[in-house]
Amino acid sequence: MNGLGRPLIILGLILVAAGLIITFSPRLPTWLGRLPGDINIKRANFSFHFPLATCLLLSAILSFIMWLLRK
């Protein structure tokens, strides 16, 4: 059980970040999720939205931040 502390701290930080995102989501920029490359299909009784470009952008930003923190 010696190595259990670090994963619990990381999980706690992830939960805090998710809580902050949910709390402040109305204040997020309106273009987030509507970038060129995001898939949005609307039919009569069906709608599908997959923010592909937004996911790639957030992944690149988070990867850069993690790279900076490891350095």
N, C-alpha and C. Protein backbone atom coordinates (compact mmCIF):
# COMPACT_ATOMS: atom_id res chain seq x y z
N MET A 1 0.81 -1.20 0.00
CA MET A 1 0.00 0.00 0.00
C MET A 1 0.85 1.26 0.00
N ASN A 2 2.14 1.09 -0.12
CA ASN A 2 3.04 2.23 -0.07
C ASN A 2 2.84 3.17 -1.25
N GLY A 3 2.55 2.62 -2.43
CA GLY A 3 2.43 3.45 -3.63
C GLY A 3 1.01 3.92 -3.91
N LEU A 4 0.12 3.84 -2.95
CA LEU A 4 -1.28 4.21 -3.18
C LEU A 4 -1.53 5.70 -3.04
N GLY A 5 -0.68 6.42 -2.32
CA GLY A 5 -0.91 7.83 -2.06
C GLY A 5 -0.87 8.70 -3.30
N ARG A 6 0.13 8.51 -4.13
CA ARG A 6 0.27 9.35 -5.33
C ARG A 6 -0.91 9.21 -6.30
N PRO A 7 -1.34 7.98 -6.63
CA PRO A 7 -2.52 7.87 -7.51
C PRO A 7 -3.78 8.50 -6.92
N LEU A 8 -3.94 8.41 -5.59
CA LEU A 8 -5.11 9.02 -4.97
C LEU A 8 -5.06 10.55 -5.06
N ILE A 9 -3.87 11.13 -4.91
CA ILE A 9 -3.73 12.58 -5.06
C ILE A 9 -4.03 13.00 -6.48
N ILE A 10 -3.53 12.25 -7.46
CA ILE A 10 -3.78 12.57 -8.88
C ILE A 10 -5.27 12.44 -9.19
N LEU A 11 -5.90 11.39 -8.68
CA LEU A 11 -7.34 11.21 -8.90
C LEU A 11 -8.13 12.35 -8.26
N GLY A 12 -7.71 12.79 -7.08
CA GLY A 12 -8.36 13.92 -6.43
C GLY A 12 -8.23 15.19 -7.23
N LEU A 13 -7.04 15.44 -7.79
CA LEU A 13 -6.85 16.63 -8.62
C LEU A 13 -7.70 16.57 -9.89
N ILE A 14 -7.82 15.39 -10.46
CA ILE A 14 -8.66 15.23 -11.65
C ILE A 14 -10.12 15.52 -11.31
N LEU A 15 -10.58 15.03 -10.16
CA LEU A 15 -11.96 15.29 -9.75
C LEU A 15 -12.20 16.76 -9.46
N VAL A 16 -11.22 17.44 -8.85
CA VAL A 16 -11.36 18.87 -8.61
C VAL A 16 -11.43 19.63 -9.93
N ALA A 17 -10.57 19.25 -10.89
CA ALA A 17 -10.58 19.91 -12.19
C ALA A 17 -11.92 19.68 -12.90
N ALA A 18 -12.45 18.47 -12.83
CA ALA A 18 -13.74 18.19 -13.45
C ALA A 18 -14.85 19.00 -12.79
N GLY A 19 -14.79 19.14 -11.47
CA GLY A 19 -15.78 19.95 -10.76
C GLY A 19 -15.72 21.41 -11.15
N LEU A 20 -14.50 21.93 -11.31
CA LEU A 20 -14.36 23.32 -11.73
C LEU A 20 -14.87 23.54 -13.15
N ILE A 21 -14.61 22.58 -14.02
CA ILE A 21 -15.08 22.69 -15.40
C ILE A 21 -16.61 22.68 -15.43
N ILE A 22 -17.21 21.79 -14.66
CA ILE A 22 -18.68 21.73 -14.63
C ILE A 22 -19.26 23.00 -14.03
N THR A 23 -18.63 23.52 -12.99
CA THR A 23 -19.12 24.73 -12.33
C THR A 23 -19.04 25.95 -13.25
N PHE A 24 -17.93 26.09 -13.95
CA PHE A 24 -17.73 27.28 -14.77
C PHE A 24 -18.01 27.04 -16.26
N SER A 25 -18.68 25.94 -16.62
CA SER A 25 -18.94 25.65 -18.02
C SER A 25 -19.79 26.71 -18.73
N PRO A 26 -20.73 27.40 -18.07
CA PRO A 26 -21.44 28.46 -18.80
C PRO A 26 -20.52 29.61 -19.22
N ARG A 27 -19.38 29.75 -18.56
CA ARG A 27 -18.47 30.84 -18.88
C ARG A 27 -17.41 30.45 -19.91
N LEU A 28 -17.41 29.20 -20.35
CA LEU A 28 -16.45 28.77 -21.36
C LEU A 28 -16.74 29.48 -22.68
N PRO A 29 -15.73 29.68 -23.52
CA PRO A 29 -15.98 30.35 -24.80
C PRO A 29 -17.00 29.59 -25.64
N THR A 30 -17.82 30.33 -26.37
CA THR A 30 -18.88 29.69 -27.16
C THR A 30 -18.34 28.95 -28.36
N TRP A 31 -17.12 29.29 -28.82
CA TRP A 31 -16.56 28.60 -29.98
C TRP A 31 -16.03 27.23 -29.61
N LEU A 32 -15.85 26.96 -28.32
CA LEU A 32 -15.34 25.66 -27.89
C LEU A 32 -16.41 24.61 -28.13
N GLY A 33 -16.13 23.66 -28.98
CA GLY A 33 -17.11 22.66 -29.36
C GLY A 33 -17.74 22.95 -30.71
N ARG A 34 -17.40 24.09 -31.30
CA ARG A 34 -17.93 24.45 -32.61
C ARG A 34 -16.82 24.81 -33.59
N LEU A 35 -15.69 24.17 -33.44
CA LEU A 35 -14.55 24.43 -34.32
C LEU A 35 -14.76 23.75 -35.67
N PRO A 36 -14.09 24.25 -36.71
CA PRO A 36 -14.12 23.52 -37.97
C PRO A 36 -13.48 22.15 -37.75
N GLY A 37 -14.14 21.12 -38.15
CA GLY A 37 -13.66 19.77 -37.93
C GLY A 37 -14.48 19.03 -36.89
N ASP A 38 -15.32 19.74 -36.17
CA ASP A 38 -16.26 19.09 -35.25
C ASP A 38 -17.41 18.52 -36.07
N ILE A 39 -17.81 17.32 -35.75
CA ILE A 39 -18.85 16.63 -36.51
C ILE A 39 -20.20 16.91 -35.86
N ASN A 40 -21.13 17.42 -36.65
CA ASN A 40 -22.46 17.74 -36.17
C ASN A 40 -23.47 17.30 -37.23
N ILE A 41 -24.27 16.29 -36.89
CA ILE A 41 -25.27 15.76 -37.82
C ILE A 41 -26.64 15.95 -37.20
N LYS A 42 -27.55 16.60 -37.94
CA LYS A 42 -28.92 16.79 -37.46
C LYS A 42 -29.89 16.22 -38.49
N ARG A 43 -30.74 15.35 -38.04
CA ARG A 43 -31.81 14.78 -38.85
C ARG A 43 -33.15 15.09 -38.18
N ALA A 44 -34.22 14.56 -38.69
CA ALA A 44 -35.55 14.85 -38.16
C ALA A 44 -35.68 14.44 -36.69
N ASN A 45 -35.37 13.20 -36.35
CA ASN A 45 -35.52 12.73 -34.98
C ASN A 45 -34.19 12.34 -34.36
N PHE A 46 -33.10 12.86 -34.88
CA PHE A 46 -31.78 12.41 -34.44
C PHE A 46 -30.79 13.55 -34.57
N SER A 47 -29.95 13.69 -33.57
CA SER A 47 -28.84 14.64 -33.69
C SER A 47 -27.60 13.99 -33.08
N PHE A 48 -26.47 14.22 -33.70
CA PHE A 48 -25.20 13.64 -33.26
C PHE A 48 -24.15 14.72 -33.31
N HIS A 49 -23.41 14.88 -32.22
CA HIS A 49 -22.36 15.88 -32.15
C HIS A 49 -21.11 15.23 -31.59
N PHE A 50 -20.02 15.27 -32.33
CA PHE A 50 -18.73 14.77 -31.87
C PHE A 50 -17.69 15.85 -32.10
N PRO A 51 -17.20 16.46 -31.02
CA PRO A 51 -16.25 17.58 -31.16
C PRO A 51 -14.82 17.09 -31.42
N LEU A 52 -14.58 16.59 -32.61
CA LEU A 52 -13.28 16.01 -32.96
C LEU A 52 -12.16 17.04 -32.90
N ALA A 53 -12.32 18.18 -33.53
CA ALA A 53 -11.28 19.21 -33.53
C ALA A 53 -11.07 19.77 -32.13
N THR A 54 -12.13 19.92 -31.37
CA THR A 54 -12.01 20.42 -30.00
C THR A 54 -11.23 19.43 -29.14
N CYS A 55 -11.51 18.14 -29.30
CA CYS A 55 -10.78 17.11 -28.55
C CYS A 55 -9.30 17.13 -28.90
N LEU A 56 -8.98 17.28 -30.18
CA LEU A 56 -7.57 17.33 -30.59
C LEU A 56 -6.88 18.57 -30.03
N LEU A 57 -7.56 19.70 -30.05
CA LEU A 57 -6.98 20.93 -29.52
C LEU A 57 -6.74 20.82 -28.01
N LEU A 58 -7.72 20.34 -27.27
CA LEU A 58 -7.56 20.18 -25.82
C LEU A 58 -6.48 19.16 -25.49
N SER A 59 -6.39 18.10 -26.27
CA SER A 59 -5.35 17.11 -26.06
C SER A 59 -3.97 17.70 -26.26
N ALA A 60 -3.80 18.51 -27.30
CA ALA A 60 -2.51 19.15 -27.56
C ALA A 60 -2.15 20.12 -26.44
N ILE A 61 -3.12 20.89 -25.97
CA ILE A 61 -2.86 21.85 -24.88
C ILE A 61 -2.50 21.12 -23.60
N LEU A 62 -3.26 20.09 -23.24
CA LEU A 62 -2.96 19.34 -22.03
C LEU A 62 -1.64 18.59 -22.11
N SER A 63 -1.31 18.07 -23.30
CA SER A 63 -0.02 17.40 -23.48
C SER A 63 1.13 18.39 -23.30
N PHE A 64 0.97 19.59 -23.81
CA PHE A 64 2.00 20.61 -23.65
C PHE A 64 2.16 21.01 -22.18
N ILE A 65 1.05 21.15 -21.47
CA ILE A 65 1.11 21.49 -20.05
C ILE A 65 1.79 20.37 -19.27
N MET A 66 1.43 19.11 -19.55
CA MET A 66 2.07 17.99 -18.87
C MET A 66 3.56 17.92 -19.20
N TRP A 67 3.92 18.21 -20.43
CA TRP A 67 5.33 18.24 -20.82
C TRP A 67 6.10 19.31 -20.04
N LEU A 68 5.47 20.47 -19.87
CA LEU A 68 6.11 21.54 -19.09
C LEU A 68 6.28 21.15 -17.62
N LEU A 69 5.29 20.47 -17.08
CA LEU A 69 5.35 20.07 -15.67
C LEU A 69 6.40 18.99 -15.42
N ARG A 70 6.63 18.13 -16.39
CA ARG A 70 7.62 17.07 -16.25
C ARG A 70 9.04 17.59 -16.40
N LYS A 71 9.20 18.68 -17.07
CA LYS A 71 10.52 19.24 -17.34
C LYS A 71 11.17 19.81 -16.13
